[in-house]
Amino acid sequence: MANISVTASQEDNNIRLDAFLGYNTDELSRSYAVRLIEQGKVLVNGSAVTSKKHKLRAGDSVTIDIPEPEALDITPENIPLDIVYEDDDVIVVNKPRGLVVHPGPGNWSGTLVNAIMYHCGDSLSSINGVIRPGIVHRIDKDTSGLLMIAKNDRAHESLAAQLQVHSVTREYTALVYDNIREDEMTIDAPIGRDERNRMRRAVYGSGQKDAVTHIRVAERFGDYTLIKARLETGRTHQIRVHMAYRKHPLVGDALYGPHNKPEKLMGRKLDGQLLHAGTLGFVHPSTGEYMEFHSDLPEVFAAILDGLRNR
């Protein structure tokens, strides 16, 4: 059973307990938080509280006992994988756009986890439970690119520790709206939950955590800019949120982009944000050697760029 402790800040004063848990713990959905409250697994200042409407005060200590995930029947599926590298400790996979990383409501099959379970059998780390075996980090469904997957717990702990101290190289290519004047910039703005829309994250949102993205302009097209974005931290939707915050949302981003976004660009349909995790580097868990991998842009992304160059 995992144990999470969070202290209510001044901003959380008078917030409902279920809302507080939803905003301040990435691990919990609000509906799951409500179930834990009703089951008496949430303590406020050491005492169990079973009402989701309980109002917190600044300084209250909230402790959540999260049961281990149930042994769900996650079925291995013979889904083709683009494996860039593999050994006894780690796999590097080039994830296509549209593929969900791990199972969840509405996506219990057809995910990257189903595919790697078929490929690896029992040779995956168990640290993230049965729903996310081997998964050390993830990228959004509509983002393509490189992911590292751990094949044992020792490798998982090593890779997770590298992510924790920001030593993993993660560089993305993205096409954003409008012209960025600066050649380089660093966006240092904390990200939390958007109180108005639980699907979104927001700069200075509830339960905010430090978020730093380093941006370099790769090419300018006047009304669009191609950028390289290097993650220092790895918050949910970080590049998408940071670029929208700087008034340069990603092209094709339905969640953070303009409401009147075009459905096509250069004759190509936009089925999600133009964002690709093209570079991934880390220290190998066993050899201690730094390894770096690169992935070409997907065909649609590359074709749109060619169209912009030739128009």
C-alpha atoms as a PDB file:
ATOM      1  CA  MET A   1       0.000   0.000   0.000  1.00  0.00           C
ATOM      2  CA  ALA A   2       1.445   3.334  -1.073  1.00  0.00           C
ATOM      3  CA  ASN A   3       1.294   6.306   1.264  1.00  0.00           C
ATOM      4  CA  ILE A   4       1.081   9.911   0.026  1.00  0.00           C
ATOM      5  CA  SER A   5       1.213  12.976   2.279  1.00  0.00           C
ATOM      6  CA  VAL A   6       0.313  16.499   1.141  1.00  0.00           C
ATOM      7  CA  THR A   7       0.066  19.693   3.206  1.00  0.00           C
ATOM      8  CA  ALA A   8      -2.656  22.229   2.372  1.00  0.00           C
ATOM      9  CA  SER A   9      -1.206  25.595   1.358  1.00  0.00           C
ATOM     10  CA  GLN A  10      -2.731  29.028   1.835  1.00  0.00           C
ATOM     11  CA  GLU A  11      -4.199  28.704  -1.677  1.00  0.00           C
ATOM     12  CA  ASP A  12      -5.975  25.512  -0.567  1.00  0.00           C
ATOM     13  CA  ASN A  13      -7.721  27.173   2.378  1.00  0.00           C
ATOM     14  CA  ASN A  14     -11.431  26.242   2.457  1.00  0.00           C
ATOM     15  CA  ILE A  15     -11.115  23.819  -0.490  1.00  0.00           C
ATOM     16  CA  ARG A  16     -13.151  20.592  -0.457  1.00  0.00           C
ATOM     17  CA  LEU A  17     -11.189  17.455   0.344  1.00  0.00           C
ATOM     18  CA  ASP A  18     -12.036  15.662  -2.921  1.00  0.00           C
ATOM     19  CA  ALA A  19     -11.039  18.696  -4.985  1.00  0.00           C
ATOM     20  CA  PHE A  20      -7.804  19.063  -3.015  1.00  0.00           C
ATOM     21  CA  LEU A  21      -6.827  15.457  -3.721  1.00  0.00           C
ATOM     22  CA  GLY A  22      -7.672  15.772  -7.403  1.00  0.00           C
ATOM     23  CA  TYR A  23      -5.655  18.962  -7.816  1.00  0.00           C
ATOM     24  CA  ASN A  24      -2.642  18.029  -5.700  1.00  0.00           C
ATOM     25  CA  THR A  25      -1.948  14.396  -6.548  1.00  0.00           C
ATOM     26  CA  ASP A  26      -1.215  13.428 -10.147  1.00  0.00           C
ATOM     27  CA  GLU A  27      -1.678   9.781  -9.127  1.00  0.00           C
ATOM     28  CA  LEU A  28      -5.396  10.154  -8.363  1.00  0.00           C
ATOM     29  CA  SER A  29      -8.434  10.994 -10.432  1.00  0.00           C
ATOM     30  CA  ARG A  30     -11.122  12.865  -8.529  1.00  0.00           C
ATOM     31  CA  SER A  31     -13.545   9.923  -8.732  1.00  0.00           C
ATOM     32  CA  TYR A  32     -10.921   7.551  -7.315  1.00  0.00           C
ATOM     33  CA  ALA A  33     -10.112  10.064  -4.580  1.00  0.00           C
ATOM     34  CA  VAL A  34     -13.794  10.103  -3.574  1.00  0.00           C
ATOM     35  CA  ARG A  35     -13.790   6.292  -3.243  1.00  0.00           C
ATOM     36  CA  LEU A  36     -10.698   6.427  -1.024  1.00  0.00           C
ATOM     37  CA  ILE A  37     -12.328   9.079   1.169  1.00  0.00           C
ATOM     38  CA  GLU A  38     -15.495   6.996   1.554  1.00  0.00           C
ATOM     39  CA  GLN A  39     -13.392   3.942   2.430  1.00  0.00           C
ATOM     40  CA  GLY A  40     -11.710   5.852   5.270  1.00  0.00           C
ATOM     41  CA  LYS A  41      -8.296   5.780   3.632  1.00  0.00           C
ATOM     42  CA  VAL A  42      -7.779   9.564   3.788  1.00  0.00           C
ATOM     43  CA  LEU A  43      -6.568  11.095   7.043  1.00  0.00           C
ATOM     44  CA  VAL A  44      -6.640  14.796   7.866  1.00  0.00           C
ATOM     45  CA  ASN A  45      -4.276  15.673  10.703  1.00  0.00           C
ATOM     46  CA  GLY A  46      -4.159  11.995  11.627  1.00  0.00           C
ATOM     47  CA  SER A  47      -7.931  11.362  11.725  1.00  0.00           C
ATOM     48  CA  ALA A  48      -9.944   9.576   9.041  1.00  0.00           C
ATOM     49  CA  VAL A  49     -12.387  11.805   7.153  1.00  0.00           C
ATOM     50  CA  THR A  50     -15.146  10.109   5.164  1.00  0.00           C
ATOM     51  CA  SER A  51     -16.913  13.150   3.731  1.00  0.00           C
ATOM     52  CA  LYS A  52     -15.722  14.407   0.349  1.00  0.00           C
ATOM     53  CA  LYS A  53     -17.177  17.833   1.229  1.00  0.00           C
ATOM     54  CA  HIS A  54     -14.885  18.301   4.234  1.00  0.00           C
ATOM     55  CA  LYS A  55     -13.269  21.752   3.996  1.00  0.00           C
ATOM     56  CA  LEU A  56      -9.536  22.005   4.565  1.00  0.00           C
ATOM     57  CA  ARG A  57      -7.615  24.763   6.259  1.00  0.00           C
ATOM     58  CA  ALA A  58      -4.161  25.995   5.339  1.00  0.00           C
ATOM     59  CA  GLY A  59      -1.582  23.834   7.106  1.00  0.00           C
ATOM     60  CA  ASP A  60      -3.772  20.713   7.323  1.00  0.00           C
ATOM     61  CA  SER A  61      -1.794  17.511   6.766  1.00  0.00           C
ATOM     62  CA  VAL A  62      -3.550  15.082   4.436  1.00  0.00           C
ATOM     63  CA  THR A  63      -2.393  11.464   4.191  1.00  0.00           C
ATOM     64  CA  ILE A  64      -3.746   9.025   1.601  1.00  0.00           C
ATOM     65  CA  ASP A  65      -3.317   5.255   1.813  1.00  0.00           C
ATOM     66  CA  ILE A  66      -3.506   3.959  -1.759  1.00  0.00           C
ATOM     67  CA  PRO A  67      -4.095   0.205  -2.089  1.00  0.00           C
ATOM     68  CA  GLU A  68      -1.866  -1.759  -4.439  1.00  0.00           C
ATOM     69  CA  PRO A  69      -3.427  -2.060  -7.900  1.00  0.00           C
ATOM     70  CA  GLU A  70      -5.612  -5.077  -8.412  1.00  0.00           C
ATOM     71  CA  ALA A  71      -4.292  -7.858 -10.600  1.00  0.00           C
ATOM     72  CA  LEU A  72      -6.136  -6.778 -13.705  1.00  0.00           C
ATOM     73  CA  ASP A  73      -6.114  -8.998 -16.742  1.00  0.00           C
ATOM     74  CA  ILE A  74      -3.982  -6.922 -19.081  1.00  0.00           C
ATOM     75  CA  THR A  75      -3.723  -9.087 -22.176  1.00  0.00           C
ATOM     76  CA  PRO A  76      -0.538  -9.220 -24.260  1.00  0.00           C
ATOM     77  CA  GLU A  77      -1.324  -8.239 -27.844  1.00  0.00           C
ATOM     78  CA  ASN A  78       0.682  -8.777 -31.006  1.00  0.00           C
ATOM     79  CA  ILE A  79       0.936  -5.099 -31.937  1.00  0.00           C
ATOM     80  CA  PRO A  80       3.946  -4.160 -34.115  1.00  0.00           C
ATOM     81  CA  LEU A  81       6.668  -2.276 -32.269  1.00  0.00           C
ATOM     82  CA  ASP A  82       9.351  -0.020 -33.711  1.00  0.00           C
ATOM     83  CA  ILE A  83      12.218  -1.065 -31.427  1.00  0.00           C
ATOM     84  CA  VAL A  84      15.219   1.243 -31.680  1.00  0.00           C
ATOM     85  CA  TYR A  85      17.325  -0.578 -29.062  1.00  0.00           C
ATOM     86  CA  GLU A  86      16.955  -3.539 -26.708  1.00  0.00           C
ATOM     87  CA  ASP A  87      19.063  -5.501 -24.223  1.00  0.00           C
ATOM     88  CA  ASP A  88      18.416  -7.332 -20.932  1.00  0.00           C
ATOM     89  CA  ASP A  89      17.754  -4.096 -19.031  1.00  0.00           C
ATOM     90  CA  VAL A  90      16.029  -1.614 -21.285  1.00  0.00           C
ATOM     91  CA  ILE A  91      14.071  -1.182 -24.512  1.00  0.00           C
ATOM     92  CA  VAL A  92      13.877   2.060 -26.481  1.00  0.00           C
ATOM     93  CA  VAL A  93      10.702   2.212 -28.567  1.00  0.00           C
ATOM     94  CA  ASN A  94       9.665   4.713 -31.231  1.00  0.00           C
ATOM     95  CA  LYS A  95       5.977   5.226 -30.394  1.00  0.00           C
ATOM     96  CA  PRO A  96       3.670   6.139 -33.273  1.00  0.00           C
ATOM     97  CA  ARG A  97       1.173   8.935 -32.993  1.00  0.00           C
ATOM     98  CA  GLY A  98      -2.238   7.760 -31.785  1.00  0.00           C
ATOM     99  CA  LEU A  99      -0.956   4.920 -29.583  1.00  0.00           C
ATOM    100  CA  VAL A 100      -1.845   5.171 -25.873  1.00  0.00           C
ATOM    101  CA  VAL A 101       1.078   4.243 -23.598  1.00  0.00           C
ATOM    102  CA  HIS A 102      -0.679   2.302 -20.836  1.00  0.00           C
ATOM    103  CA  PRO A 103      -4.187   0.918 -20.218  1.00  0.00           C
ATOM    104  CA  GLY A 104      -6.858   2.988 -18.513  1.00  0.00           C
ATOM    105  CA  PRO A 105     -10.571   3.730 -18.703  1.00  0.00           C
ATOM    106  CA  GLY A 106     -11.617   3.551 -22.329  1.00  0.00           C
ATOM    107  CA  ASN A 107      -8.263   2.070 -23.380  1.00  0.00           C
ATOM    108  CA  TRP A 108      -7.868  -1.335 -21.735  1.00  0.00           C
ATOM    109  CA  SER A 109      -6.435  -2.841 -24.914  1.00  0.00           C
ATOM    110  CA  GLY A 110      -4.434  -1.756 -27.924  1.00  0.00           C
ATOM    111  CA  THR A 111      -1.850   0.147 -25.847  1.00  0.00           C
ATOM    112  CA  LEU A 112       1.937   0.177 -25.841  1.00  0.00           C
ATOM    113  CA  VAL A 113       1.856  -1.882 -22.629  1.00  0.00           C
ATOM    114  CA  ASN A 114      -0.197  -4.604 -24.325  1.00  0.00           C
ATOM    115  CA  ALA A 115       2.389  -4.642 -27.113  1.00  0.00           C
ATOM    116  CA  ILE A 116       5.500  -4.794 -24.912  1.00  0.00           C
ATOM    117  CA  MET A 117       3.910  -7.517 -22.741  1.00  0.00           C
ATOM    118  CA  TYR A 118       3.557  -9.630 -25.878  1.00  0.00           C
ATOM    119  CA  HIS A 119       7.123  -8.852 -26.897  1.00  0.00           C
ATOM    120  CA  CYS A 120       8.777  -9.291 -23.475  1.00  0.00           C
ATOM    121  CA  GLY A 121       6.588 -11.762 -21.607  1.00  0.00           C
ATOM    122  CA  ASP A 122       7.425 -11.515 -17.896  1.00  0.00           C
ATOM    123  CA  SER A 123      10.633  -9.556 -18.495  1.00  0.00           C
ATOM    124  CA  LEU A 124       9.358  -6.139 -17.433  1.00  0.00           C
ATOM    125  CA  SER A 125       9.761  -4.121 -14.245  1.00  0.00           C
ATOM    126  CA  SER A 126       6.909  -4.369 -11.746  1.00  0.00           C
ATOM    127  CA  ILE A 127       7.448  -1.087  -9.883  1.00  0.00           C
ATOM    128  CA  ASN A 128       4.489   0.669 -11.534  1.00  0.00           C
ATOM    129  CA  GLY A 129       2.120  -2.264 -10.994  1.00  0.00           C
ATOM    130  CA  VAL A 130       0.246  -4.466 -13.417  1.00  0.00           C
ATOM    131  CA  ILE A 131      -1.266  -1.606 -15.408  1.00  0.00           C
ATOM    132  CA  ARG A 132       2.079   0.007 -16.276  1.00  0.00           C
ATOM    133  CA  PRO A 133       4.759  -2.727 -16.298  1.00  0.00           C
ATOM    134  CA  GLY A 134       8.090  -1.378 -17.490  1.00  0.00           C
ATOM    135  CA  ILE A 135       6.807   2.168 -17.953  1.00  0.00           C
ATOM    136  CA  VAL A 136       9.290   4.709 -16.556  1.00  0.00           C
ATOM    137  CA  HIS A 137       7.897   7.793 -18.322  1.00  0.00           C
ATOM    138  CA  ARG A 138       5.278   8.406 -20.958  1.00  0.00           C
ATOM    139  CA  ILE A 139       4.334  10.668 -23.833  1.00  0.00           C
ATOM    140  CA  ASP A 140       0.838  11.740 -24.829  1.00  0.00           C
ATOM    141  CA  LYS A 141      -1.306   9.655 -27.165  1.00  0.00           C
ATOM    142  CA  ASP A 142      -0.989  12.112 -30.061  1.00  0.00           C
ATOM    143  CA  THR A 143       2.724  12.721 -29.506  1.00  0.00           C
ATOM    144  CA  SER A 144       5.136  10.455 -31.349  1.00  0.00           C
ATOM    145  CA  GLY A 145       8.683   9.484 -30.508  1.00  0.00           C
ATOM    146  CA  LEU A 146      11.116   7.756 -28.207  1.00  0.00           C
ATOM    147  CA  LEU A 147      10.340   6.069 -24.896  1.00  0.00           C
ATOM    148  CA  MET A 148      12.598   4.039 -22.610  1.00  0.00           C
ATOM    149  CA  ILE A 149      11.070   0.959 -20.987  1.00  0.00           C
ATOM    150  CA  ALA A 150      12.614  -0.961 -18.068  1.00  0.00           C
ATOM    151  CA  LYS A 151      12.840  -4.759 -18.233  1.00  0.00           C
ATOM    152  CA  ASN A 152      13.612  -5.245 -14.527  1.00  0.00           C
ATOM    153  CA  ASP A 153      13.173  -3.357 -11.267  1.00  0.00           C
ATOM    154  CA  ARG A 154      16.858  -2.468 -10.905  1.00  0.00           C
ATOM    155  CA  ALA A 155      16.869  -0.818 -14.328  1.00  0.00           C
ATOM    156  CA  HIS A 156      13.579   0.937 -13.523  1.00  0.00           C
ATOM    157  CA  GLU A 157      14.993   2.421 -10.329  1.00  0.00           C
ATOM    158  CA  SER A 158      18.105   3.656 -12.163  1.00  0.00           C
ATOM    159  CA  LEU A 159      16.161   5.294 -14.996  1.00  0.00           C
ATOM    160  CA  ALA A 160      13.594   6.814 -12.623  1.00  0.00           C
ATOM    161  CA  ALA A 161      16.403   8.278 -10.496  1.00  0.00           C
ATOM    162  CA  GLN A 162      17.934   9.874 -13.609  1.00  0.00           C
ATOM    163  CA  LEU A 163      14.583  11.439 -14.455  1.00  0.00           C
ATOM    164  CA  GLN A 164      14.312  12.698 -10.886  1.00  0.00           C
ATOM    165  CA  VAL A 165      17.603  14.605 -11.088  1.00  0.00           C
ATOM    166  CA  HIS A 166      16.871  15.835 -14.651  1.00  0.00           C
ATOM    167  CA  SER A 167      19.878  14.073 -16.206  1.00  0.00           C
ATOM    168  CA  VAL A 168      17.927  12.322 -18.986  1.00  0.00           C
ATOM    169  CA  THR A 169      18.180  14.054 -22.376  1.00  0.00           C
ATOM    170  CA  ARG A 170      14.705  14.565 -23.852  1.00  0.00           C
ATOM    171  CA  GLU A 171      14.445  16.837 -26.860  1.00  0.00           C
ATOM    172  CA  TYR A 172      11.261  17.311 -28.857  1.00  0.00           C
ATOM    173  CA  THR A 173      10.507  18.876 -32.218  1.00  0.00           C
ATOM    174  CA  ALA A 174       7.301  20.926 -32.419  1.00  0.00           C
ATOM    175  CA  LEU A 175       5.565  23.240 -34.849  1.00  0.00           C
ATOM    176  CA  VAL A 176       3.935  26.218 -33.135  1.00  0.00           C
ATOM    177  CA  TYR A 177       1.795  29.135 -34.246  1.00  0.00           C
ATOM    178  CA  ASP A 178       3.216  32.543 -35.169  1.00  0.00           C
ATOM    179  CA  ASN A 179       6.757  33.849 -35.318  1.00  0.00           C
ATOM    180  CA  ILE A 180       9.042  33.501 -32.300  1.00  0.00           C
ATOM    181  CA  ARG A 181      11.478  36.404 -32.350  1.00  0.00           C
ATOM    182  CA  GLU A 182      14.036  35.002 -29.903  1.00  0.00           C
ATOM    183  CA  ASP A 183      16.480  32.367 -31.146  1.00  0.00           C
ATOM    184  CA  GLU A 184      16.510  30.738 -27.705  1.00  0.00           C
ATOM    185  CA  MET A 185      14.500  31.067 -24.513  1.00  0.00           C
ATOM    186  CA  THR A 186      13.907  29.228 -21.261  1.00  0.00           C
ATOM    187  CA  ILE A 187      10.380  28.942 -19.903  1.00  0.00           C
ATOM    188  CA  ASP A 188      10.537  28.562 -16.118  1.00  0.00           C
ATOM    189  CA  ALA A 189       6.912  28.507 -14.985  1.00  0.00           C
ATOM    190  CA  PRO A 190       5.333  26.011 -12.541  1.00  0.00           C
ATOM    191  CA  ILE A 191       2.523  23.792 -13.804  1.00  0.00           C
ATOM    192  CA  GLY A 192      -0.497  22.486 -11.899  1.00  0.00           C
ATOM    193  CA  ARG A 193      -4.066  21.444 -12.569  1.00  0.00           C
ATOM    194  CA  ASP A 194      -6.415  23.820 -14.348  1.00  0.00           C
ATOM    195  CA  GLU A 195      -9.255  24.406 -11.880  1.00  0.00           C
ATOM    196  CA  ARG A 196     -11.720  25.121 -14.699  1.00  0.00           C
ATOM    197  CA  ASN A 197     -10.984  21.999 -16.752  1.00  0.00           C
ATOM    198  CA  ARG A 198      -9.610  18.795 -15.216  1.00  0.00           C
ATOM    199  CA  MET A 199      -8.392  17.597 -18.609  1.00  0.00           C
ATOM    200  CA  ARG A 200      -5.955  20.510 -18.771  1.00  0.00           C
ATOM    201  CA  ARG A 201      -2.873  21.652 -16.907  1.00  0.00           C
ATOM    202  CA  ALA A 202      -2.070  25.319 -16.401  1.00  0.00           C
ATOM    203  CA  VAL A 203       0.847  27.547 -15.454  1.00  0.00           C
ATOM    204  CA  TYR A 204       0.400  28.481 -11.765  1.00  0.00           C
ATOM    205  CA  GLY A 205      -2.433  25.917 -11.496  1.00  0.00           C
ATOM    206  CA  SER A 206      -3.461  24.076  -8.342  1.00  0.00           C
ATOM    207  CA  GLY A 207      -0.796  21.865  -6.819  1.00  0.00           C
ATOM    208  CA  GLN A 208       1.802  23.488  -9.069  1.00  0.00           C
ATOM    209  CA  LYS A 209       5.245  21.954  -9.446  1.00  0.00           C
ATOM    210  CA  ASP A 210       8.415  23.449 -10.931  1.00  0.00           C
ATOM    211  CA  ALA A 211       8.541  23.135 -14.721  1.00  0.00           C
ATOM    212  CA  VAL A 212      11.403  24.231 -16.969  1.00  0.00           C
ATOM    213  CA  THR A 213      11.553  23.961 -20.770  1.00  0.00           C
ATOM    214  CA  HIS A 214      14.461  25.139 -22.927  1.00  0.00           C
ATOM    215  CA  ILE A 215      13.416  26.326 -26.402  1.00  0.00           C
ATOM    216  CA  ARG A 216      15.558  26.773 -29.498  1.00  0.00           C
ATOM    217  CA  VAL A 217      14.191  28.012 -32.827  1.00  0.00           C
ATOM    218  CA  ALA A 218      15.060  25.623 -35.660  1.00  0.00           C
ATOM    219  CA  GLU A 219      13.225  27.269 -38.572  1.00  0.00           C
ATOM    220  CA  ARG A 220      10.823  30.141 -39.178  1.00  0.00           C
ATOM    221  CA  PHE A 221       7.933  30.204 -41.634  1.00  0.00           C
ATOM    222  CA  GLY A 222       6.424  33.590 -40.761  1.00  0.00           C
ATOM    223  CA  ASP A 223       3.097  32.394 -39.394  1.00  0.00           C
ATOM    224  CA  TYR A 224       4.613  29.212 -37.928  1.00  0.00           C
ATOM    225  CA  THR A 225       7.858  28.389 -36.110  1.00  0.00           C
ATOM    226  CA  LEU A 226       9.634  25.045 -35.865  1.00  0.00           C
ATOM    227  CA  ILE A 227      11.233  24.625 -32.446  1.00  0.00           C
ATOM    228  CA  LYS A 228      13.380  22.196 -30.506  1.00  0.00           C
ATOM    229  CA  ALA A 229      12.187  21.865 -26.909  1.00  0.00           C
ATOM    230  CA  ARG A 230      14.441  20.262 -24.298  1.00  0.00           C
ATOM    231  CA  LEU A 231      12.786  19.168 -21.085  1.00  0.00           C
ATOM    232  CA  GLU A 232      14.516  19.861 -17.800  1.00  0.00           C
ATOM    233  CA  THR A 233      11.492  18.655 -15.843  1.00  0.00           C
ATOM    234  CA  GLY A 234       8.767  16.351 -17.148  1.00  0.00           C
ATOM    235  CA  ARG A 235       5.328  17.572 -16.083  1.00  0.00           C
ATOM    236  CA  THR A 236       2.165  16.372 -17.769  1.00  0.00           C
ATOM    237  CA  HIS A 237       1.628  18.261 -21.079  1.00  0.00           C
ATOM    238  CA  GLN A 238       4.639  20.435 -20.201  1.00  0.00           C
ATOM    239  CA  ILE A 239       5.680  21.615 -23.677  1.00  0.00           C
ATOM    240  CA  ARG A 240       2.064  22.105 -24.746  1.00  0.00           C
ATOM    241  CA  VAL A 241       1.234  24.145 -21.632  1.00  0.00           C
ATOM    242  CA  HIS A 242       4.399  26.232 -21.725  1.00  0.00           C
ATOM    243  CA  MET A 243       4.067  27.143 -25.399  1.00  0.00           C
ATOM    244  CA  ALA A 244       0.386  28.053 -24.985  1.00  0.00           C
ATOM    245  CA  TYR A 245       1.400  30.190 -21.996  1.00  0.00           C
ATOM    246  CA  ARG A 246       3.880  32.037 -24.234  1.00  0.00           C
ATOM    247  CA  LYS A 247       1.112  32.574 -26.843  1.00  0.00           C
ATOM    248  CA  HIS A 248       2.654  30.092 -29.287  1.00  0.00           C
ATOM    249  CA  PRO A 249       0.468  26.967 -28.922  1.00  0.00           C
ATOM    250  CA  LEU A 250       1.342  23.824 -30.827  1.00  0.00           C
ATOM    251  CA  VAL A 251      -0.217  23.377 -34.247  1.00  0.00           C
ATOM    252  CA  GLY A 252      -2.971  20.749 -34.077  1.00  0.00           C
ATOM    253  CA  ASP A 253      -3.336  20.901 -30.281  1.00  0.00           C
ATOM    254  CA  ALA A 254      -7.069  20.614 -29.617  1.00  0.00           C
ATOM    255  CA  LEU A 255      -6.690  21.077 -25.853  1.00  0.00           C
ATOM    256  CA  TYR A 256      -4.403  24.116 -25.662  1.00  0.00           C
ATOM    257  CA  GLY A 257      -4.540  25.537 -29.183  1.00  0.00           C
ATOM    258  CA  PRO A 258      -6.890  28.142 -30.685  1.00  0.00           C
ATOM    259  CA  HIS A 259     -10.592  27.279 -30.808  1.00  0.00           C
ATOM    260  CA  ASN A 260     -10.756  27.978 -34.542  1.00  0.00           C
ATOM    261  CA  LYS A 261      -7.772  25.779 -35.367  1.00  0.00           C
ATOM    262  CA  PRO A 262      -7.584  24.488 -38.963  1.00  0.00           C
ATOM    263  CA  GLU A 263      -8.317  20.826 -39.615  1.00  0.00           C
ATOM    264  CA  LYS A 264      -5.621  20.649 -42.280  1.00  0.00           C
ATOM    265  CA  LEU A 265      -2.250  22.218 -42.993  1.00  0.00           C
ATOM    266  CA  MET A 266      -0.471  21.900 -46.336  1.00  0.00           C
ATOM    267  CA  GLY A 267      -3.200  19.458 -47.376  1.00  0.00           C
ATOM    268  CA  ARG A 268      -2.494  17.147 -44.436  1.00  0.00           C
ATOM    269  CA  LYS A 269      -5.069  16.415 -41.747  1.00  0.00           C
ATOM    270  CA  LEU A 270      -4.094  17.507 -38.229  1.00  0.00           C
ATOM    271  CA  ASP A 271      -5.010  14.620 -35.908  1.00  0.00           C
ATOM    272  CA  GLY A 272      -3.369  16.052 -32.818  1.00  0.00           C
ATOM    273  CA  GLN A 273      -0.429  18.272 -31.925  1.00  0.00           C
ATOM    274  CA  LEU A 274       2.675  18.297 -34.126  1.00  0.00           C
ATOM    275  CA  LEU A 275       5.075  17.166 -31.413  1.00  0.00           C
ATOM    276  CA  HIS A 276       7.750  14.492 -31.744  1.00  0.00           C
ATOM    277  CA  ALA A 277      10.149  13.138 -29.095  1.00  0.00           C
ATOM    278  CA  GLY A 278      13.127  12.855 -31.405  1.00  0.00           C
ATOM    279  CA  THR A 279      16.105  12.593 -29.022  1.00  0.00           C
ATOM    280  CA  LEU A 280      16.437  10.453 -25.878  1.00  0.00           C
ATOM    281  CA  GLY A 281      19.633   9.972 -23.887  1.00  0.00           C
ATOM    282  CA  PHE A 282      20.374   8.270 -20.565  1.00  0.00           C
ATOM    283  CA  VAL A 283      23.059   6.412 -18.644  1.00  0.00           C
ATOM    284  CA  HIS A 284      22.677   2.660 -19.089  1.00  0.00           C
ATOM    285  CA  PRO A 285      21.579   1.038 -15.786  1.00  0.00           C
ATOM    286  CA  SER A 286      24.225  -1.720 -15.939  1.00  0.00           C
ATOM    287  CA  THR A 287      27.173  -0.431 -17.971  1.00  0.00           C
ATOM    288  CA  GLY A 288      27.147   3.186 -16.789  1.00  0.00           C
ATOM    289  CA  GLU A 289      27.616   4.236 -20.430  1.00  0.00           C
ATOM    290  CA  TYR A 290      25.724   7.281 -21.744  1.00  0.00           C
ATOM    291  CA  MET A 291      23.531   6.267 -24.685  1.00  0.00           C
ATOM    292  CA  GLU A 292      21.628   8.583 -27.012  1.00  0.00           C
ATOM    293  CA  PHE A 293      19.003   7.718 -29.602  1.00  0.00           C
ATOM    294  CA  HIS A 294      17.371   9.680 -32.398  1.00  0.00           C
ATOM    295  CA  SER A 295      14.131   9.277 -34.313  1.00  0.00           C
ATOM    296  CA  ASP A 296      13.080  10.856 -37.614  1.00  0.00           C
ATOM    297  CA  LEU A 297       9.907  12.917 -37.827  1.00  0.00           C
ATOM    298  CA  PRO A 298       6.728  11.018 -38.755  1.00  0.00           C
ATOM    299  CA  GLU A 299       5.746  11.202 -42.425  1.00  0.00           C
ATOM    300  CA  VAL A 300       2.833  13.623 -41.897  1.00  0.00           C
ATOM    301  CA  PHE A 301       4.929  16.030 -39.808  1.00  0.00           C
ATOM    302  CA  ALA A 302       7.782  15.956 -42.340  1.00  0.00           C
ATOM    303  CA  ALA A 303       5.388  16.474 -45.265  1.00  0.00           C
ATOM    304  CA  ILE A 304       3.837  19.542 -43.618  1.00  0.00           C
ATOM    305  CA  LEU A 305       7.284  21.058 -43.112  1.00  0.00           C
ATOM    306  CA  ASP A 306       8.193  20.380 -46.755  1.00  0.00           C
ATOM    307  CA  GLY A 307       4.965  22.094 -47.779  1.00  0.00           C
ATOM    308  CA  LEU A 308       5.746  25.152 -45.660  1.00  0.00           C
ATOM    309  CA  ARG A 309       9.247  25.375 -47.135  1.00  0.00           C
ATOM    310  CA  ASN A 310       7.984  25.146 -50.712  1.00  0.00           C
ATOM    311  CA  ARG A 311       4.910  27.343 -50.551  1.00  0.00           C
END
